[in-house]
């Protein structure tokens, strides 16, 4: 926030950042949702796509993981579109879905470790962007 020569505070910079963070968060969330949907689709269609680790704490069948990723991915796409459309429910729901996505990717580490870590990193970026946007909305209210 900058101050003009007359002493009036300029909120345009803060509003621009807030809008940019919302666009970033919504776009990345929708894209991650698509990736997660296709990750789940490949697991559902063929059990041989992923190599299974024999002794891991979370012993689910790969088809079960596929359905989990399909559902989380579809919800993430819908919420990401909601964030992009400026829906009020989109910010908090986006944070929740990104956290669920990160959790499911953590539990999916034995099957696709590098991919899961990359998606977790992007989920954290989405959570950060949406939290900053929420904070800026509260500051202007």
C-alpha atoms as a PDB file:
ATOM      1  CA  UNK A   1       0.000   0.000   0.000  1.00  0.00           C
ATOM      2  CA  UNK A   2       1.424   3.349  -1.000  1.00  0.00           C
ATOM      3  CA  UNK A   3       0.588   6.845   0.143  1.00  0.00           C
ATOM      4  CA  UNK A   4      -0.035   9.617  -2.363  1.00  0.00           C
ATOM      5  CA  UNK A   5       1.269  13.171  -1.957  1.00  0.00           C
ATOM      6  CA  UNK A   6      -2.090  14.228  -0.491  1.00  0.00           C
ATOM      7  CA  UNK A   7      -1.787  11.594   2.264  1.00  0.00           C
ATOM      8  CA  UNK A   8      -4.473   9.282   0.864  1.00  0.00           C
ATOM      9  CA  UNK A   9      -3.550   5.593   0.882  1.00  0.00           C
ATOM     10  CA  UNK A  10      -3.554   3.812  -2.486  1.00  0.00           C
ATOM     11  CA  UNK A  11      -5.033   0.298  -2.305  1.00  0.00           C
ATOM     12  CA  UNK A  12      -4.551  -0.486  -5.993  1.00  0.00           C
ATOM     13  CA  UNK A  13      -1.239  -2.294  -5.458  1.00  0.00           C
ATOM     14  CA  UNK A  14      -2.663  -4.483  -2.717  1.00  0.00           C
ATOM     15  CA  UNK A  15      -5.772  -5.217  -4.797  1.00  0.00           C
ATOM     16  CA  UNK A  16      -3.619  -6.149  -7.790  1.00  0.00           C
ATOM     17  CA  UNK A  17      -1.578  -8.570  -5.685  1.00  0.00           C
ATOM     18  CA  UNK A  18      -4.723 -10.080  -4.198  1.00  0.00           C
ATOM     19  CA  UNK A  19      -6.271 -10.568  -7.621  1.00  0.00           C
ATOM     20  CA  UNK A  20      -3.076 -12.095  -8.962  1.00  0.00           C
ATOM     21  CA  UNK A  21      -2.824 -14.513  -6.062  1.00  0.00           C
ATOM     22  CA  UNK A  22      -6.430 -15.586  -6.591  1.00  0.00           C
ATOM     23  CA  UNK A  23      -5.795 -16.225 -10.276  1.00  0.00           C
ATOM     24  CA  UNK A  24      -2.603 -18.145  -9.449  1.00  0.00           C
ATOM     25  CA  UNK A  25      -4.297 -20.230  -6.748  1.00  0.00           C
ATOM     26  CA  UNK A  26      -7.365 -21.036  -8.830  1.00  0.00           C
ATOM     27  CA  UNK A  27      -5.413 -21.865 -11.977  1.00  0.00           C
ATOM     28  CA  UNK A  28      -2.892 -24.080 -10.224  1.00  0.00           C
ATOM     29  CA  UNK A  29      -5.604 -25.817  -8.188  1.00  0.00           C
ATOM     30  CA  UNK A  30      -7.640 -26.592 -11.310  1.00  0.00           C
ATOM     31  CA  UNK A  31      -4.525 -27.792 -13.161  1.00  0.00           C
ATOM     32  CA  UNK A  32      -3.450 -29.994 -10.245  1.00  0.00           C
ATOM     33  CA  UNK A  33      -6.972 -31.368 -10.129  1.00  0.00           C
ATOM     34  CA  UNK A  34      -6.725 -32.355 -13.786  1.00  0.00           C
ATOM     35  CA  UNK A  35      -3.353 -34.000 -13.191  1.00  0.00           C
ATOM     36  CA  UNK A  36      -4.718 -35.857 -10.198  1.00  0.00           C
ATOM     37  CA  UNK A  37      -7.786 -36.932 -12.180  1.00  0.00           C
ATOM     38  CA  UNK A  38      -5.616 -38.409 -14.930  1.00  0.00           C
ATOM     39  CA  UNK A  39      -3.331 -40.010 -12.331  1.00  0.00           C
ATOM     40  CA  UNK A  40      -6.399 -41.708 -10.855  1.00  0.00           C
ATOM     41  CA  UNK A  41      -7.786 -42.639 -14.259  1.00  0.00           C
ATOM     42  CA  UNK A  42      -4.572 -44.388 -15.219  1.00  0.00           C
ATOM     43  CA  UNK A  43      -4.605 -46.314 -11.927  1.00  0.00           C
ATOM     44  CA  UNK A  44      -8.229 -47.366 -12.405  1.00  0.00           C
ATOM     45  CA  UNK A  45      -7.796 -48.440 -16.014  1.00  0.00           C
ATOM     46  CA  UNK A  46      -4.593 -50.433 -15.527  1.00  0.00           C
ATOM     47  CA  UNK A  47      -3.177 -51.894 -12.308  1.00  0.00           C
ATOM     48  CA  UNK A  48       0.207 -52.312 -13.983  1.00  0.00           C
ATOM     49  CA  UNK A  49       0.850 -48.576 -14.409  1.00  0.00           C
ATOM     50  CA  UNK A  50       2.359 -48.149 -10.955  1.00  0.00           C
ATOM     51  CA  UNK A  51       4.885 -50.363  -9.200  1.00  0.00           C
ATOM     52  CA  UNK A  52       3.672 -51.386  -5.755  1.00  0.00           C
ATOM     53  CA  UNK A  53       5.875 -51.225  -2.682  1.00  0.00           C
ATOM     54  CA  UNK A  54       5.350 -54.430  -0.673  1.00  0.00           C
ATOM     55  CA  UNK A  55       5.465 -53.187   2.926  1.00  0.00           C
ATOM     56  CA  UNK A  56       4.046 -49.710   3.257  1.00  0.00           C
ATOM     57  CA  UNK A  57       1.773 -48.495   6.010  1.00  0.00           C
ATOM     58  CA  UNK A  58      -1.117 -47.552   3.704  1.00  0.00           C
ATOM     59  CA  UNK A  59      -2.064 -50.874   2.108  1.00  0.00           C
ATOM     60  CA  UNK A  60      -4.689 -49.909  -0.462  1.00  0.00           C
ATOM     61  CA  UNK A  61      -5.190 -51.549  -3.805  1.00  0.00           C
ATOM     62  CA  UNK A  62      -3.998 -49.353  -6.692  1.00  0.00           C
ATOM     63  CA  UNK A  63      -7.563 -49.254  -8.030  1.00  0.00           C
ATOM     64  CA  UNK A  64      -8.719 -47.810  -4.702  1.00  0.00           C
ATOM     65  CA  UNK A  65      -6.018 -45.146  -4.964  1.00  0.00           C
ATOM     66  CA  UNK A  66      -7.202 -44.464  -8.494  1.00  0.00           C
ATOM     67  CA  UNK A  67     -10.746 -43.748  -7.328  1.00  0.00           C
ATOM     68  CA  UNK A  68      -9.474 -41.562  -4.489  1.00  0.00           C
ATOM     69  CA  UNK A  69      -7.411 -39.507  -6.950  1.00  0.00           C
ATOM     70  CA  UNK A  70     -10.307 -39.303  -9.408  1.00  0.00           C
ATOM     71  CA  UNK A  71     -12.669 -37.873  -6.796  1.00  0.00           C
ATOM     72  CA  UNK A  72     -10.150 -35.459  -5.261  1.00  0.00           C
ATOM     73  CA  UNK A  73      -9.087 -34.338  -8.744  1.00  0.00           C
ATOM     74  CA  UNK A  74     -12.624 -33.588  -9.894  1.00  0.00           C
ATOM     75  CA  UNK A  75     -13.386 -31.650  -6.715  1.00  0.00           C
ATOM     76  CA  UNK A  76     -10.120 -29.700  -7.090  1.00  0.00           C
ATOM     77  CA  UNK A  77     -11.008 -28.724 -10.657  1.00  0.00           C
ATOM     78  CA  UNK A  78     -14.467 -27.523  -9.569  1.00  0.00           C
ATOM     79  CA  UNK A  79     -13.082 -25.545  -6.634  1.00  0.00           C
ATOM     80  CA  UNK A  80     -10.288 -24.068  -8.780  1.00  0.00           C
ATOM     81  CA  UNK A  81     -12.880 -22.833 -11.259  1.00  0.00           C
ATOM     82  CA  UNK A  82     -14.880 -21.431  -8.341  1.00  0.00           C
ATOM     83  CA  UNK A  83     -11.818 -19.508  -7.137  1.00  0.00           C
ATOM     84  CA  UNK A  84     -11.247 -18.149 -10.648  1.00  0.00           C
ATOM     85  CA  UNK A  85     -14.883 -17.039 -10.821  1.00  0.00           C
ATOM     86  CA  UNK A  86     -14.447 -15.139  -7.546  1.00  0.00           C
ATOM     87  CA  UNK A  87     -16.810 -17.262  -5.464  1.00  0.00           C
ATOM     88  CA  UNK A  88     -16.621 -16.527  -1.728  1.00  0.00           C
ATOM     89  CA  UNK A  89     -16.672 -20.214  -0.804  1.00  0.00           C
ATOM     90  CA  UNK A  90     -13.750 -20.913  -3.146  1.00  0.00           C
ATOM     91  CA  UNK A  91     -10.925 -19.621  -0.956  1.00  0.00           C
ATOM     92  CA  UNK A  92     -11.519 -21.709   2.170  1.00  0.00           C
ATOM     93  CA  UNK A  93     -12.661 -24.718   0.147  1.00  0.00           C
ATOM     94  CA  UNK A  94      -9.574 -24.387  -2.032  1.00  0.00           C
ATOM     95  CA  UNK A  95      -7.319 -24.444   1.017  1.00  0.00           C
ATOM     96  CA  UNK A  96      -9.089 -27.548   2.335  1.00  0.00           C
ATOM     97  CA  UNK A  97      -8.946 -29.382  -1.020  1.00  0.00           C
ATOM     98  CA  UNK A  98      -5.271 -28.485  -1.541  1.00  0.00           C
ATOM     99  CA  UNK A  99      -4.512 -29.861   1.936  1.00  0.00           C
ATOM    100  CA  UNK A 100      -6.445 -33.065   1.176  1.00  0.00           C
ATOM    101  CA  UNK A 101      -4.605 -33.340  -2.143  1.00  0.00           C
ATOM    102  CA  UNK A 102      -1.242 -32.969  -0.388  1.00  0.00           C
ATOM    103  CA  UNK A 103      -2.240 -35.618   2.152  1.00  0.00           C
ATOM    104  CA  UNK A 104      -3.327 -38.106  -0.515  1.00  0.00           C
ATOM    105  CA  UNK A 105      -0.115 -37.486  -2.447  1.00  0.00           C
ATOM    106  CA  UNK A 106       1.903 -38.091   0.719  1.00  0.00           C
ATOM    107  CA  UNK A 107       0.169 -41.424   1.184  1.00  0.00           C
ATOM    108  CA  UNK A 108       0.764 -42.212  -2.518  1.00  0.00           C
ATOM    109  CA  UNK A 109       4.555 -41.684  -2.215  1.00  0.00           C
ATOM    110  CA  UNK A 110       5.551 -45.372  -2.652  1.00  0.00           C
ATOM    111  CA  UNK A 111       3.882 -45.586  -6.061  1.00  0.00           C
ATOM    112  CA  UNK A 112       5.086 -42.320  -7.619  1.00  0.00           C
ATOM    113  CA  UNK A 113       7.553 -40.592  -5.260  1.00  0.00           C
ATOM    114  CA  UNK A 114       8.890 -37.780  -7.437  1.00  0.00           C
ATOM    115  CA  UNK A 115       5.477 -36.952  -8.882  1.00  0.00           C
ATOM    116  CA  UNK A 116       3.900 -36.938  -5.420  1.00  0.00           C
ATOM    117  CA  UNK A 117       6.560 -34.593  -4.034  1.00  0.00           C
ATOM    118  CA  UNK A 118       6.101 -32.178  -6.948  1.00  0.00           C
ATOM    119  CA  UNK A 119       2.320 -32.131  -6.471  1.00  0.00           C
ATOM    120  CA  UNK A 120       2.734 -31.609  -2.711  1.00  0.00           C
ATOM    121  CA  UNK A 121       4.944 -28.588  -3.442  1.00  0.00           C
ATOM    122  CA  UNK A 122       2.334 -27.090  -5.751  1.00  0.00           C
ATOM    123  CA  UNK A 123      -0.410 -27.805  -3.208  1.00  0.00           C
ATOM    124  CA  UNK A 124       1.571 -25.856  -0.620  1.00  0.00           C
ATOM    125  CA  UNK A 125       1.914 -22.953  -3.080  1.00  0.00           C
ATOM    126  CA  UNK A 126      -1.861 -22.973  -3.632  1.00  0.00           C
ATOM    127  CA  UNK A 127      -2.519 -22.994   0.123  1.00  0.00           C
ATOM    128  CA  UNK A 128      -0.142 -20.052   0.568  1.00  0.00           C
ATOM    129  CA  UNK A 129      -1.699 -18.051  -2.279  1.00  0.00           C
ATOM    130  CA  UNK A 130      -5.255 -18.596  -1.073  1.00  0.00           C
ATOM    131  CA  UNK A 131      -4.355 -17.815   2.564  1.00  0.00           C
ATOM    132  CA  UNK A 132      -2.686 -14.551   1.528  1.00  0.00           C
ATOM    133  CA  UNK A 133      -5.734 -13.658  -0.560  1.00  0.00           C
ATOM    134  CA  UNK A 134      -8.052 -14.413   2.365  1.00  0.00           C
ATOM    135  CA  UNK A 135      -5.917 -12.264   4.650  1.00  0.00           C
ATOM    136  CA  UNK A 136      -6.044  -9.386   2.206  1.00  0.00           C
ATOM    137  CA  UNK A 137      -9.821  -9.652   1.966  1.00  0.00           C
ATOM    138  CA  UNK A 138     -10.103  -9.494   5.749  1.00  0.00           C
ATOM    139  CA  UNK A 139      -7.772  -6.488   5.891  1.00  0.00           C
ATOM    140  CA  UNK A 140      -9.949  -4.532   3.463  1.00  0.00           C
ATOM    141  CA  UNK A 141     -13.216  -5.494   5.162  1.00  0.00           C
END
